Every structure is written in C-alpha cells, then in structure tokens.
Amino acid sequence: CPVLAVSNTAINALAMGLATFFVLVMSSAAVSLLRRIVPNQVRIVTFILVIATFVTIVDYVIQAISLELHKSLGAFISLIVVNCLILGRAEAFASKHGLTRSVLDALGMGVGFTLALLCLGGVRELLGNGSLFGAPILGEQFQPWTVMMLPPGGFFTLAAWLLLFNWVAQRREGSEAKKEPSL
C-alpha cells in the first residue's frame, strides 16, 4: 500500500519511510526484550499489539507536526500495523535474537525501505509534477505526467526500477563471463 499509493511525492515517501523506520526499530527492540516472557500461544497477537502501539504514537506525532501531511498519508499510517516487513522481522528475527542484533537488523531494514520509497516517490514527483520535495526542477515548459501521481504511476515506476536493476545485473553477469578464461 505505501509503495503504490503514498509514494506519489518525495515528501510523502520520506514521511512514510521514516514512520515505518521508527515503528520497525522500536517494535523490534520491544519484541526482542519480551521474547522470553511471551508464551508461544499469544506470540503473534502480542507482536501486533506492540506494533500497533508504536504506530499509534507515530500517527499522533505526524498529526501534531503537520495536519496536511497527516491528511495526505491518510489511512496508510494505520496500515503500518499490518506491514509484512515489520511483523515478519518481529517474528523471524527479533523474537529469536538479542536487543543489539534486533535493533541493527531493524535499522538496516528501515533504511532500505525508506530509500526504496524515496526512489519511487522522487521519480513519481519529478515526472508527475516536475518538482522534487516541492521545489520546481523541470521548469514551466514541462508537461506533467498525471498518471505518475496516481496509484498506477507507482506500478510504472516500480517496473522501471526493476527493469533498470535487472539490466544492470545482466550486464554485470555478461562482463564477468567475458573475464573468465574459457577451457
């Protein structure tokens, strides 16, 4: 949801990335600290409750900082609770490791997620508005691509990034194959 709907501007992408980053780090720390106390039968429910607590904090903080940003992110802030990245890291990593490793894992995952959202949001805003972080970049002659500001623009941008990464990987494999001596 945040990748396609919220990442229509770099500011929205950064805000959602930072919100997810905070929830991911804090919930990983809490799950890691609670892992030996929580019985297996209620483990997932407890993790969701922990995550929901931090999402509520983020929701109130964003609302206090900027009502406009809160309005543009809308219900997607609340959907952080069911983000597979956060629940997956809580279940797969934080519930099995100590505090330091869990927080470091969450920091890495959070930075990566935020950068991915920024890559999507930056391209979509640039092509959809001709601006970046609200600052005009492409000038008055630029004809905005309205589709980039809509959810389908998220699909197009994601497809373009994947195409670029696959092309780079194939070129790298091709150049490595040329370097290897043939038998």
C-alpha atoms as a PDB file:
ATOM      1  CA  CYS A   1       0.000   0.000   0.000  1.00  0.00           C
ATOM      2  CA  PRO A   2       2.572   2.668   0.870  1.00  0.00           C
ATOM      3  CA  VAL A   3       4.676   1.851  -2.167  1.00  0.00           C
ATOM      4  CA  LEU A   4       1.891   2.457  -4.670  1.00  0.00           C
ATOM      5  CA  ALA A   5      -0.481   4.917  -3.037  1.00  0.00           C
ATOM      6  CA  VAL A   6       1.570   7.129  -0.741  1.00  0.00           C
ATOM      7  CA  SER A   7       4.802   7.445  -2.687  1.00  0.00           C
ATOM      8  CA  ASN A   8       3.389   9.973  -5.157  1.00  0.00           C
ATOM      9  CA  THR A   9       5.683  12.682  -3.744  1.00  0.00           C
ATOM     10  CA  ALA A  10       9.135  12.541  -2.223  1.00  0.00           C
ATOM     11  CA  ILE A  11       7.859  14.189   0.971  1.00  0.00           C
ATOM     12  CA  ASN A  12       5.118  11.584   1.426  1.00  0.00           C
ATOM     13  CA  ALA A  13       7.576   8.791   0.655  1.00  0.00           C
ATOM     14  CA  LEU A  14      10.096  10.134   3.169  1.00  0.00           C
ATOM     15  CA  ALA A  15       7.435  10.593   5.860  1.00  0.00           C
ATOM     16  CA  MET A  16       6.065   7.068   5.369  1.00  0.00           C
ATOM     17  CA  GLY A  17       9.583   5.651   5.259  1.00  0.00           C
ATOM     18  CA  LEU A  18      10.567   7.391   8.491  1.00  0.00           C
ATOM     19  CA  ALA A  19       7.309   6.372  10.175  1.00  0.00           C
ATOM     20  CA  THR A  20       7.871   2.756   9.170  1.00  0.00           C
ATOM     21  CA  PHE A  21      11.529   3.016  10.208  1.00  0.00           C
ATOM     22  CA  PHE A  22      10.559   4.209  13.708  1.00  0.00           C
ATOM     23  CA  VAL A  23       7.906   1.517  14.150  1.00  0.00           C
ATOM     24  CA  LEU A  24      10.265  -1.175  12.857  1.00  0.00           C
ATOM     25  CA  VAL A  25      13.145  -0.233  15.164  1.00  0.00           C
ATOM     26  CA  MET A  26      11.029   0.296  18.261  1.00  0.00           C
ATOM     27  CA  SER A  27       8.901  -2.827  17.790  1.00  0.00           C
ATOM     28  CA  SER A  28      11.987  -4.961  17.088  1.00  0.00           C
ATOM     29  CA  ALA A  29      13.570  -3.688  20.298  1.00  0.00           C
ATOM     30  CA  ALA A  30      10.393  -4.354  22.308  1.00  0.00           C
ATOM     31  CA  VAL A  31       9.835  -7.826  20.814  1.00  0.00           C
ATOM     32  CA  SER A  32      13.453  -8.731  21.466  1.00  0.00           C
ATOM     33  CA  LEU A  33      13.137  -7.692  25.101  1.00  0.00           C
ATOM     34  CA  LEU A  34       9.811  -9.514  25.541  1.00  0.00           C
ATOM     35  CA  ARG A  35      10.685 -12.674  23.606  1.00  0.00           C
ATOM     36  CA  ARG A  36      11.309 -14.872  26.659  1.00  0.00           C
ATOM     37  CA  ILE A  37       8.289 -13.595  28.591  1.00  0.00           C
ATOM     38  CA  VAL A  38       5.563 -14.009  25.940  1.00  0.00           C
ATOM     39  CA  PRO A  39       4.078 -17.528  25.623  1.00  0.00           C
ATOM     40  CA  ASN A  40       4.106 -19.091  22.147  1.00  0.00           C
ATOM     41  CA  GLN A  41       0.300 -19.287  22.036  1.00  0.00           C
ATOM     42  CA  VAL A  42      -0.077 -15.474  22.054  1.00  0.00           C
ATOM     43  CA  ARG A  43       3.187 -14.512  20.367  1.00  0.00           C
ATOM     44  CA  ILE A  44       1.767 -13.091  17.104  1.00  0.00           C
ATOM     45  CA  VAL A  45      -1.071 -11.247  18.850  1.00  0.00           C
ATOM     46  CA  THR A  46       1.435  -9.708  21.259  1.00  0.00           C
ATOM     47  CA  PHE A  47       3.680  -8.631  18.378  1.00  0.00           C
ATOM     48  CA  ILE A  48       0.736  -6.967  16.627  1.00  0.00           C
ATOM     49  CA  LEU A  49      -0.195  -5.170  19.848  1.00  0.00           C
ATOM     50  CA  VAL A  50       3.381  -3.909  20.273  1.00  0.00           C
ATOM     51  CA  ILE A  51       3.487  -2.735  16.646  1.00  0.00           C
ATOM     52  CA  ALA A  52       0.069  -1.070  16.957  1.00  0.00           C
ATOM     53  CA  THR A  53       1.279   0.850  19.990  1.00  0.00           C
ATOM     54  CA  PHE A  54       4.189   2.363  18.075  1.00  0.00           C
ATOM     55  CA  VAL A  55       2.003   3.043  15.027  1.00  0.00           C
ATOM     56  CA  THR A  56      -0.403   4.973  17.256  1.00  0.00           C
ATOM     57  CA  ILE A  57       2.495   7.040  18.594  1.00  0.00           C
ATOM     58  CA  VAL A  58       3.671   7.789  15.039  1.00  0.00           C
ATOM     59  CA  ASP A  59       0.134   8.670  13.961  1.00  0.00           C
ATOM     60  CA  TYR A  60      -0.255  11.203  16.774  1.00  0.00           C
ATOM     61  CA  VAL A  61       3.200  12.690  16.205  1.00  0.00           C
ATOM     62  CA  ILE A  62       2.590  13.196  12.476  1.00  0.00           C
ATOM     63  CA  GLN A  63      -0.798  14.712  13.231  1.00  0.00           C
ATOM     64  CA  ALA A  64       0.799  17.095  15.749  1.00  0.00           C
ATOM     65  CA  ILE A  65       3.611  18.094  13.376  1.00  0.00           C
ATOM     66  CA  SER A  66       1.599  18.593  10.176  1.00  0.00           C
ATOM     67  CA  LEU A  67      -2.108  18.130   9.606  1.00  0.00           C
ATOM     68  CA  GLU A  68      -1.527  18.423   5.845  1.00  0.00           C
ATOM     69  CA  LEU A  69       0.988  15.572   5.854  1.00  0.00           C
ATOM     70  CA  HIS A  70      -1.268  13.501   8.103  1.00  0.00           C
ATOM     71  CA  LYS A  71      -4.134  14.073   5.694  1.00  0.00           C
ATOM     72  CA  SER A  72      -2.062  13.121   2.646  1.00  0.00           C
ATOM     73  CA  LEU A  73      -0.819   9.900   4.281  1.00  0.00           C
ATOM     74  CA  GLY A  74      -4.343   9.141   5.477  1.00  0.00           C
ATOM     75  CA  ALA A  75      -5.197   5.582   6.458  1.00  0.00           C
ATOM     76  CA  PHE A  76      -1.844   4.301   5.245  1.00  0.00           C
ATOM     77  CA  ILE A  77      -0.241   5.262   8.545  1.00  0.00           C
ATOM     78  CA  SER A  78      -2.571   2.866  10.356  1.00  0.00           C
ATOM     79  CA  LEU A  79      -1.815   0.161   7.807  1.00  0.00           C
ATOM     80  CA  ILE A  80       1.791   0.083   9.042  1.00  0.00           C
ATOM     81  CA  VAL A  81       0.431  -2.288  11.715  1.00  0.00           C
ATOM     82  CA  VAL A  82      -0.116  -4.997   9.102  1.00  0.00           C
ATOM     83  CA  ASN A  83       3.036  -4.253   7.109  1.00  0.00           C
ATOM     84  CA  CYS A  84       4.625  -7.623   6.420  1.00  0.00           C
ATOM     85  CA  LEU A  85       8.091  -6.120   6.758  1.00  0.00           C
ATOM     86  CA  ILE A  86       7.530  -5.188  10.387  1.00  0.00           C
ATOM     87  CA  LEU A  87       5.626  -8.279  11.511  1.00  0.00           C
ATOM     88  CA  GLY A  88       7.964 -10.506   9.519  1.00  0.00           C
ATOM     89  CA  ARG A  89      11.082  -9.039  11.120  1.00  0.00           C
ATOM     90  CA  ALA A  90       9.481  -9.287  14.560  1.00  0.00           C
ATOM     91  CA  GLU A  91       8.640 -12.956  14.027  1.00  0.00           C
ATOM     92  CA  ALA A  92      11.678 -14.066  12.030  1.00  0.00           C
ATOM     93  CA  PHE A  93      14.435 -12.088  13.708  1.00  0.00           C
ATOM     94  CA  ALA A  94      13.627 -10.033  16.810  1.00  0.00           C
ATOM     95  CA  SER A  95      11.838 -12.900  18.566  1.00  0.00           C
ATOM     96  CA  LYS A  96      14.954 -15.069  18.185  1.00  0.00           C
ATOM     97  CA  HIS A  97      17.809 -12.616  18.842  1.00  0.00           C
ATOM     98  CA  GLY A  98      19.015 -10.198  21.468  1.00  0.00           C
ATOM     99  CA  LEU A  99      18.406  -6.469  21.593  1.00  0.00           C
ATOM    100  CA  THR A 100      21.545  -5.281  19.779  1.00  0.00           C
ATOM    101  CA  ARG A 101      21.218  -7.624  16.790  1.00  0.00           C
ATOM    102  CA  SER A 102      17.475  -6.973  16.550  1.00  0.00           C
ATOM    103  CA  VAL A 103      17.907  -3.205  16.546  1.00  0.00           C
ATOM    104  CA  LEU A 104      20.734  -3.386  13.990  1.00  0.00           C
ATOM    105  CA  ASP A 105      18.600  -5.597  11.752  1.00  0.00           C
ATOM    106  CA  ALA A 106      15.681  -3.179  12.063  1.00  0.00           C
ATOM    107  CA  LEU A 107      17.928  -0.200  11.315  1.00  0.00           C
ATOM    108  CA  GLY A 108      19.147  -1.831   8.105  1.00  0.00           C
ATOM    109  CA  MET A 109      15.677  -2.887   7.000  1.00  0.00           C
ATOM    110  CA  GLY A 110      14.239   0.539   7.863  1.00  0.00           C
ATOM    111  CA  VAL A 111      16.908   2.440   5.941  1.00  0.00           C
ATOM    112  CA  GLY A 112      16.452   0.151   2.935  1.00  0.00           C
ATOM    113  CA  PHE A 113      12.667   0.548   2.970  1.00  0.00           C
ATOM    114  CA  THR A 114      12.945   4.325   3.306  1.00  0.00           C
ATOM    115  CA  LEU A 115      15.424   4.528   0.411  1.00  0.00           C
ATOM    116  CA  ALA A 116      13.149   2.382  -1.761  1.00  0.00           C
ATOM    117  CA  LEU A 117      10.177   4.624  -1.017  1.00  0.00           C
ATOM    118  CA  LEU A 118      12.299   7.711  -1.739  1.00  0.00           C
ATOM    119  CA  CYS A 119      13.372   6.269  -5.096  1.00  0.00           C
ATOM    120  CA  LEU A 120       9.749   5.689  -6.030  1.00  0.00           C
ATOM    121  CA  GLY A 121       8.450   8.971  -4.634  1.00  0.00           C
ATOM    122  CA  GLY A 122      11.237  11.043  -6.171  1.00  0.00           C
ATOM    123  CA  VAL A 123      10.703   9.682  -9.682  1.00  0.00           C
ATOM    124  CA  ARG A 124       6.923   9.943  -9.425  1.00  0.00           C
ATOM    125  CA  GLU A 125       7.017  13.537  -8.174  1.00  0.00           C
ATOM    126  CA  LEU A 126       9.613  14.546 -10.762  1.00  0.00           C
ATOM    127  CA  LEU A 127       7.626  13.108 -13.671  1.00  0.00           C
ATOM    128  CA  GLY A 128       4.190  13.896 -12.220  1.00  0.00           C
ATOM    129  CA  ASN A 129       4.816  17.488 -11.092  1.00  0.00           C
ATOM    130  CA  GLY A 130       8.220  18.436 -12.428  1.00  0.00           C
ATOM    131  CA  SER A 131       9.384  19.042  -8.863  1.00  0.00           C
ATOM    132  CA  LEU A 132      11.333  17.307  -6.130  1.00  0.00           C
ATOM    133  CA  PHE A 133      10.432  17.821  -2.453  1.00  0.00           C
ATOM    134  CA  GLY A 134       8.079  20.535  -3.709  1.00  0.00           C
ATOM    135  CA  ALA A 135      10.843  22.550  -5.415  1.00  0.00           C
ATOM    136  CA  PRO A 136      10.370  23.045  -9.171  1.00  0.00           C
ATOM    137  CA  ILE A 137      13.060  21.216 -11.145  1.00  0.00           C
ATOM    138  CA  LEU A 138      11.928  20.725 -14.748  1.00  0.00           C
ATOM    139  CA  GLY A 139      10.682  24.274 -15.464  1.00  0.00           C
ATOM    140  CA  GLU A 140       7.493  25.746 -16.854  1.00  0.00           C
ATOM    141  CA  GLN A 141       7.761  24.018 -20.241  1.00  0.00           C
ATOM    142  CA  PHE A 142       7.459  20.575 -18.626  1.00  0.00           C
ATOM    143  CA  GLN A 143       4.172  18.794 -19.263  1.00  0.00           C
ATOM    144  CA  PRO A 144       3.368  16.760 -16.131  1.00  0.00           C
ATOM    145  CA  TRP A 145       2.533  13.100 -16.485  1.00  0.00           C
ATOM    146  CA  THR A 146      -0.629  12.983 -14.399  1.00  0.00           C
ATOM    147  CA  VAL A 147      -0.623   9.187 -14.313  1.00  0.00           C
ATOM    148  CA  MET A 148       2.560   9.294 -12.204  1.00  0.00           C
ATOM    149  CA  MET A 149       0.645  10.960  -9.359  1.00  0.00           C
ATOM    150  CA  LEU A 150      -1.978   8.199  -9.364  1.00  0.00           C
ATOM    151  CA  PRO A 151      -1.529   4.649  -7.999  1.00  0.00           C
ATOM    152  CA  PRO A 152      -0.808   3.216 -11.485  1.00  0.00           C
ATOM    153  CA  GLY A 153       2.211   5.538 -11.565  1.00  0.00           C
ATOM    154  CA  GLY A 154       3.548   3.528  -8.647  1.00  0.00           C
ATOM    155  CA  PHE A 155       3.341   0.353 -10.733  1.00  0.00           C
ATOM    156  CA  PHE A 156       5.066   2.031 -13.690  1.00  0.00           C
ATOM    157  CA  THR A 157       7.835   3.440 -11.524  1.00  0.00           C
ATOM    158  CA  LEU A 158       8.366   0.160  -9.690  1.00  0.00           C
ATOM    159  CA  ALA A 159       8.519  -1.657 -13.031  1.00  0.00           C
ATOM    160  CA  ALA A 160      11.052   0.854 -14.362  1.00  0.00           C
ATOM    161  CA  TRP A 161      13.296   0.467 -11.287  1.00  0.00           C
ATOM    162  CA  LEU A 162      13.104  -3.343 -11.544  1.00  0.00           C
ATOM    163  CA  LEU A 163      13.906  -3.154 -15.249  1.00  0.00           C
ATOM    164  CA  LEU A 164      16.934  -0.975 -14.511  1.00  0.00           C
ATOM    165  CA  PHE A 165      18.220  -3.274 -11.745  1.00  0.00           C
ATOM    166  CA  ASN A 166      17.762  -6.386 -13.898  1.00  0.00           C
ATOM    167  CA  TRP A 167      19.522  -4.713 -16.849  1.00  0.00           C
ATOM    168  CA  VAL A 168      22.474  -3.741 -14.625  1.00  0.00           C
ATOM    169  CA  ALA A 169      22.649  -7.277 -13.183  1.00  0.00           C
ATOM    170  CA  GLN A 170      22.621  -8.834 -16.659  1.00  0.00           C
ATOM    171  CA  ARG A 171      25.348  -6.505 -17.882  1.00  0.00           C
ATOM    172  CA  ARG A 172      27.425  -7.327 -14.817  1.00  0.00           C
ATOM    173  CA  GLU A 173      26.969 -11.070 -15.391  1.00  0.00           C
ATOM    174  CA  GLY A 174      27.909 -10.626 -19.047  1.00  0.00           C
ATOM    175  CA  SER A 175      31.081  -8.703 -18.229  1.00  0.00           C
ATOM    176  CA  GLU A 176      32.079 -11.267 -15.587  1.00  0.00           C
ATOM    177  CA  ALA A 177      31.520 -14.105 -18.052  1.00  0.00           C
ATOM    178  CA  LYS A 178      33.848 -12.391 -20.556  1.00  0.00           C
ATOM    179  CA  LYS A 179      36.574 -12.087 -17.902  1.00  0.00           C
ATOM    180  CA  GLU A 180      36.576 -15.814 -17.098  1.00  0.00           C
ATOM    181  CA  PRO A 181      39.037 -17.787 -19.214  1.00  0.00           C
ATOM    182  CA  SER A 182      37.483 -20.500 -21.348  1.00  0.00           C
ATOM    183  CA  LEU A 183      38.721 -24.072 -21.055  1.00  0.00           C
END
